[in-house]
C-alpha atoms as a PDB file:
ATOM      1  CA  MET A   1       1.156  -2.415 215.294  1.00  0.00           C
ATOM      2  CA  GLN A   2       4.155  -2.160 212.983  1.00  0.00           C
ATOM      3  CA  SER A   3       3.429  -0.553 209.614  1.00  0.00           C
ATOM      4  CA  PRO A   4       4.041  -2.998 206.761  1.00  0.00           C
ATOM      5  CA  SER A   5       6.916  -2.283 204.428  1.00  0.00           C
ATOM      6  CA  ILE A   6       6.380  -2.584 200.718  1.00  0.00           C
ATOM      7  CA  HIS A   7       9.085  -5.260 200.423  1.00  0.00           C
ATOM      8  CA  GLU A   8      11.713  -6.726 202.713  1.00  0.00           C
ATOM      9  CA  ASP A   9      13.844  -7.408 199.640  1.00  0.00           C
ATOM     10  CA  GLU A  10      13.104  -4.453 197.354  1.00  0.00           C
ATOM     11  CA  ALA A  11      14.549  -6.223 194.307  1.00  0.00           C
ATOM     12  CA  ALA A  12      12.425  -9.367 194.465  1.00  0.00           C
ATOM     13  CA  PRO A  13       8.772  -9.671 193.507  1.00  0.00           C
ATOM     14  CA  ARG A  14       6.832 -11.469 196.262  1.00  0.00           C
ATOM     15  CA  VAL A  15       3.846 -13.840 196.111  1.00  0.00           C
ATOM     16  CA  PHE A  16       1.769 -15.179 199.004  1.00  0.00           C
ATOM     17  CA  VAL A  17       0.178 -18.619 198.477  1.00  0.00           C
ATOM     18  CA  ILE A  18      -2.558 -19.758 200.866  1.00  0.00           C
ATOM     19  CA  ASP A  19      -4.113 -23.236 200.877  1.00  0.00           C
ATOM     20  CA  ASP A  20      -4.931 -25.526 203.776  1.00  0.00           C
ATOM     21  CA  ARG A  21      -4.109 -28.659 201.769  1.00  0.00           C
ATOM     22  CA  PHE A  22      -0.382 -29.399 201.508  1.00  0.00           C
ATOM     23  CA  ALA A  23      -0.465 -30.937 197.996  1.00  0.00           C
ATOM     24  CA  ALA A  24      -2.539 -28.084 196.575  1.00  0.00           C
ATOM     25  CA  ARG A  25      -0.338 -25.501 198.302  1.00  0.00           C
ATOM     26  CA  THR A  26       2.766 -27.168 196.854  1.00  0.00           C
ATOM     27  CA  LEU A  27       1.267 -27.011 193.343  1.00  0.00           C
ATOM     28  CA  LEU A  28       0.338 -23.326 193.744  1.00  0.00           C
ATOM     29  CA  ARG A  29       3.799 -22.591 195.128  1.00  0.00           C
ATOM     30  CA  GLY A  30       5.427 -24.257 192.120  1.00  0.00           C
ATOM     31  CA  LEU A  31       3.316 -22.207 189.716  1.00  0.00           C
ATOM     32  CA  ALA A  32       4.162 -19.013 191.603  1.00  0.00           C
ATOM     33  CA  LEU A  33       7.888 -19.807 191.490  1.00  0.00           C
ATOM     34  CA  SER A  34       7.684 -20.004 187.693  1.00  0.00           C
ATOM     35  CA  LEU A  35       6.370 -16.423 187.353  1.00  0.00           C
ATOM     36  CA  ALA A  36       9.727 -14.630 187.494  1.00  0.00           C
ATOM     37  CA  PRO A  37      13.331 -15.758 187.944  1.00  0.00           C
ATOM     38  CA  ASN A  38      13.809 -13.916 191.238  1.00  0.00           C
ATOM     39  CA  VAL A  39      10.315 -14.284 192.728  1.00  0.00           C
ATOM     40  CA  VAL A  40      10.017 -14.929 196.467  1.00  0.00           C
ATOM     41  CA  VAL A  41       7.089 -17.164 197.412  1.00  0.00           C
ATOM     42  CA  GLU A  42       5.765 -17.422 200.952  1.00  0.00           C
ATOM     43  CA  ASP A  43       3.182 -20.126 201.528  1.00  0.00           C
ATOM     44  CA  PHE A  44       0.676 -20.426 204.352  1.00  0.00           C
ATOM     45  CA  SER A  45      -1.558 -23.298 205.473  1.00  0.00           C
ATOM     46  CA  GLY A  46      -4.293 -20.864 206.463  1.00  0.00           C
ATOM     47  CA  PRO A  47      -5.438 -17.303 205.941  1.00  0.00           C
ATOM     48  CA  HIS A  48      -4.876 -16.185 209.533  1.00  0.00           C
ATOM     49  CA  ALA A  49      -1.121 -16.781 209.268  1.00  0.00           C
ATOM     50  CA  ALA A  50      -1.064 -14.833 205.994  1.00  0.00           C
ATOM     51  CA  LEU A  51      -2.989 -11.950 207.588  1.00  0.00           C
ATOM     52  CA  GLU A  52      -0.460 -11.874 210.418  1.00  0.00           C
ATOM     53  CA  ARG A  53       2.389 -11.717 207.890  1.00  0.00           C
ATOM     54  CA  LEU A  54       0.634  -8.878 206.037  1.00  0.00           C
ATOM     55  CA  HIS A  55       1.306  -6.679 209.073  1.00  0.00           C
ATOM     56  CA  LYS A  56       5.022  -6.928 208.247  1.00  0.00           C
ATOM     57  CA  ILE A  57       5.271  -7.379 204.489  1.00  0.00           C
ATOM     58  CA  VAL A  58       3.168  -6.509 201.447  1.00  0.00           C
ATOM     59  CA  PRO A  59       3.307  -9.018 198.589  1.00  0.00           C
ATOM     60  CA  ASP A  60       2.856  -8.173 194.918  1.00  0.00           C
ATOM     61  CA  LEU A  61       0.330 -10.981 194.381  1.00  0.00           C
ATOM     62  CA  ILE A  62      -1.816 -13.186 196.607  1.00  0.00           C
ATOM     63  CA  VAL A  63      -3.057 -16.605 195.450  1.00  0.00           C
ATOM     64  CA  THR A  64      -5.518 -18.264 197.812  1.00  0.00           C
ATOM     65  CA  ASP A  65      -7.804 -21.262 197.905  1.00  0.00           C
ATOM     66  CA  TYR A  66     -11.515 -20.584 198.383  1.00  0.00           C
ATOM     67  CA  ARG A  67     -12.520 -23.446 200.691  1.00  0.00           C
ATOM     68  CA  MET A  68     -10.540 -23.342 203.917  1.00  0.00           C
ATOM     69  CA  PRO A  69     -11.562 -23.867 207.536  1.00  0.00           C
ATOM     70  CA  LEU A  70     -12.636 -20.822 209.580  1.00  0.00           C
ATOM     71  CA  LEU A  71     -12.115 -18.222 206.829  1.00  0.00           C
ATOM     72  CA  ASN A  72     -12.701 -18.760 203.114  1.00  0.00           C
ATOM     73  CA  GLY A  73     -10.759 -17.071 200.327  1.00  0.00           C
ATOM     74  CA  ILE A  74     -13.435 -14.457 199.620  1.00  0.00           C
ATOM     75  CA  ASP A  75     -13.707 -13.424 203.274  1.00  0.00           C
ATOM     76  CA  PHE A  76      -9.908 -13.260 203.341  1.00  0.00           C
ATOM     77  CA  ALA A  77     -10.008 -10.916 200.315  1.00  0.00           C
ATOM     78  CA  VAL A  78     -12.523  -8.649 202.093  1.00  0.00           C
ATOM     79  CA  ILE A  79     -10.149  -8.319 205.048  1.00  0.00           C
ATOM     80  CA  VAL A  80      -7.161  -7.630 202.785  1.00  0.00           C
ATOM     81  CA  ARG A  81      -9.105  -4.998 200.825  1.00  0.00           C
ATOM     82  CA  SER A  82     -10.096  -3.258 204.055  1.00  0.00           C
ATOM     83  CA  GLN A  83      -6.425  -2.542 204.817  1.00  0.00           C
ATOM     84  CA  LEU A  84      -5.696   0.717 203.005  1.00  0.00           C
ATOM     85  CA  ARG A  85      -1.986   0.145 202.299  1.00  0.00           C
ATOM     86  CA  ILE A  86      -2.610  -3.122 200.489  1.00  0.00           C
ATOM     87  CA  THR A  87      -5.679  -2.405 198.372  1.00  0.00           C
ATOM     88  CA  HIS A  88      -3.542  -2.513 195.203  1.00  0.00           C
ATOM     89  CA  VAL A  89      -2.389  -6.131 195.648  1.00  0.00           C
ATOM     90  CA  PRO A  90      -4.016  -8.456 193.095  1.00  0.00           C
ATOM     91  CA  ILE A  91      -5.816 -11.426 194.684  1.00  0.00           C
ATOM     92  CA  VAL A  92      -6.432 -14.687 192.828  1.00  0.00           C
ATOM     93  CA  VAL A  93      -8.888 -17.208 194.289  1.00  0.00           C
ATOM     94  CA  VAL A  94      -8.730 -20.833 193.140  1.00  0.00           C
ATOM     95  CA  THR A  95     -11.473 -23.363 193.793  1.00  0.00           C
ATOM     96  CA  ILE A  96     -13.114 -26.537 192.618  1.00  0.00           C
ATOM     97  CA  ALA A  97     -16.579 -25.026 193.220  1.00  0.00           C
ATOM     98  CA  ASP A  98     -18.177 -24.327 189.839  1.00  0.00           C
ATOM     99  CA  ASP A  99     -20.754 -21.811 191.019  1.00  0.00           C
ATOM    100  CA  LEU A 100     -21.397 -18.639 189.011  1.00  0.00           C
ATOM    101  CA  SER A 101     -22.779 -16.803 192.058  1.00  0.00           C
ATOM    102  CA  LEU A 102     -19.474 -17.476 193.818  1.00  0.00           C
ATOM    103  CA  VAL A 103     -17.589 -15.780 190.973  1.00  0.00           C
ATOM    104  CA  HIS A 104     -19.832 -12.706 191.285  1.00  0.00           C
ATOM    105  CA  GLU A 105     -19.405 -12.644 195.066  1.00  0.00           C
ATOM    106  CA  ALA A 106     -15.625 -12.883 194.632  1.00  0.00           C
ATOM    107  CA  LYS A 107     -15.500  -9.955 192.190  1.00  0.00           C
ATOM    108  CA  GLU A 108     -17.703  -7.817 194.451  1.00  0.00           C
ATOM    109  CA  SER A 109     -15.384  -8.631 197.371  1.00  0.00           C
ATOM    110  CA  GLY A 110     -12.270  -7.352 195.635  1.00  0.00           C
ATOM    111  CA  VAL A 111     -10.930 -10.572 194.123  1.00  0.00           C
ATOM    112  CA  THR A 112      -8.952  -9.734 190.993  1.00  0.00           C
ATOM    113  CA  HIS A 113      -9.179 -13.131 189.292  1.00  0.00           C
ATOM    114  CA  PHE A 114     -10.986 -16.414 189.887  1.00  0.00           C
ATOM    115  CA  HIS A 115      -9.576 -19.772 188.679  1.00  0.00           C
ATOM    116  CA  LEU A 116     -11.415 -23.082 188.632  1.00  0.00           C
ATOM    117  CA  ARG A 117      -9.553 -26.313 189.341  1.00  0.00           C
ATOM    118  CA  PRO A 118      -8.078 -28.227 187.673  1.00  0.00           C
ATOM    119  CA  LEU A 119      -5.679 -25.425 186.871  1.00  0.00           C
ATOM    120  CA  ASN A 120      -4.091 -24.952 183.464  1.00  0.00           C
ATOM    121  CA  PRO A 121      -0.427 -24.198 184.327  1.00  0.00           C
ATOM    122  CA  ALA A 122       0.292 -22.195 181.159  1.00  0.00           C
ATOM    123  CA  GLN A 123      -2.833 -20.091 181.617  1.00  0.00           C
ATOM    124  CA  CYS A 124      -1.999 -19.506 185.287  1.00  0.00           C
ATOM    125  CA  ARG A 125       1.557 -18.445 184.466  1.00  0.00           C
ATOM    126  CA  ASP A 126       0.309 -15.958 181.844  1.00  0.00           C
ATOM    127  CA  GLN A 127      -2.471 -14.452 183.959  1.00  0.00           C
ATOM    128  CA  TRP A 128      -0.661 -14.535 187.300  1.00  0.00           C
ATOM    129  CA  GLY A 129       2.506 -13.161 185.680  1.00  0.00           C
ATOM    130  CA  ALA A 130       0.547 -10.176 184.363  1.00  0.00           C
ATOM    131  CA  LEU A 131      -1.055  -9.684 187.785  1.00  0.00           C
ATOM    132  CA  LEU A 132       2.357  -9.934 189.489  1.00  0.00           C
ATOM    133  CA  ARG A 133       3.711  -7.187 187.215  1.00  0.00           C
ATOM    134  CA  GLN A 134       0.578  -5.118 187.869  1.00  0.00           C
ATOM    135  CA  GLY A 135       0.897  -5.486 191.645  1.00  0.00           C
ATOM    136  CA  ARG A 136       4.630  -4.813 191.624  1.00  0.00           C
ATOM    137  CA  CYS A 137       4.348  -1.763 189.396  1.00  0.00           C
ATOM    138  CA  GLN A 138       1.441  -0.279 191.365  1.00  0.00           C
ATOM    139  CA  ALA A 139       3.423  -0.715 194.573  1.00  0.00           C
ATOM    140  CA  GLN A 140       6.362   1.101 192.964  1.00  0.00           C
ATOM    141  CA  ARG A 141       4.353   3.988 191.472  1.00  0.00           C
ATOM    142  CA  PRO A 142       6.062   7.372 191.764  1.00  0.00           C
ATOM    143  CA  ASP A 143       3.441   8.834 194.152  1.00  0.00           C
ATOM    144  CA  SER A 144       4.495   6.250 196.769  1.00  0.00           C
ATOM    145  CA  GLY A 145       8.040   7.587 196.926  1.00  0.00           C
ATOM    146  CA  PRO A 146      11.046   7.545 194.621  1.00  0.00           C
ATOM    147  CA  ALA A 147      10.317   5.665 191.406  1.00  0.00           C
ATOM    148  CA  ARG A 148      12.077   2.305 191.214  1.00  0.00           C
ATOM    149  CA  ARG A 149      11.977  -0.326 188.556  1.00  0.00           C
ATOM    150  CA  CYS A 150       9.880  -3.288 189.634  1.00  0.00           C
ATOM    151  CA  GLY A 151      12.645  -5.809 188.968  1.00  0.00           C
ATOM    152  CA  ILE A 152      10.582  -8.112 186.766  1.00  0.00           C
ATOM    153  CA  PRO A 153      12.310  -8.960 183.456  1.00  0.00           C
ATOM    154  CA  GLY A 154      10.513  -7.459 180.465  1.00  0.00           C
ATOM    155  CA  CYS A 155       8.570  -4.874 182.466  1.00  0.00           C
ATOM    156  CA  ASP A 156       8.834  -1.228 181.454  1.00  0.00           C
ATOM    157  CA  CYS A 157       6.985   0.132 184.493  1.00  0.00           C
ATOM    158  CA  HIS A 158       8.962   3.368 184.828  1.00  0.00           C
ATOM    159  CA  SER A 159      10.034   4.004 181.268  1.00  0.00           C
ATOM    160  CA  ARG A 160       6.789   5.803 180.409  1.00  0.00           C
END
């Protein structure tokens, strides 16, 4: 198996969007595109395709639906967290299910943030933008090689 690179395009922050429903995926993609001027968004209609892509590329943020056929968003997060090189990537799960036990299960499974639908676009941009910077800066930390700026406007990740 090929070892995943941190980024194919080192200058661009990258977001993976996973949702089996086209309309919902399109909405999530649009929100992700608004996070940074140079962000690259890859969208997937199912978690298995995203897992396959993770063998080649490591995103800075993953946004996934909870309810999908064959593998739900929490089980997807467990698989992602089990892959050592990508444990730093923030994972956001979105769902319509308003179940407090589901939120606890998500957090215990390594989900960084949980959003209930309908989504508030401004809130998503703020929270996902912060998570994107966090994921990008953690991927660029000096102990992973030469320090590089993350490329996200307004971030001071390597000025400290």
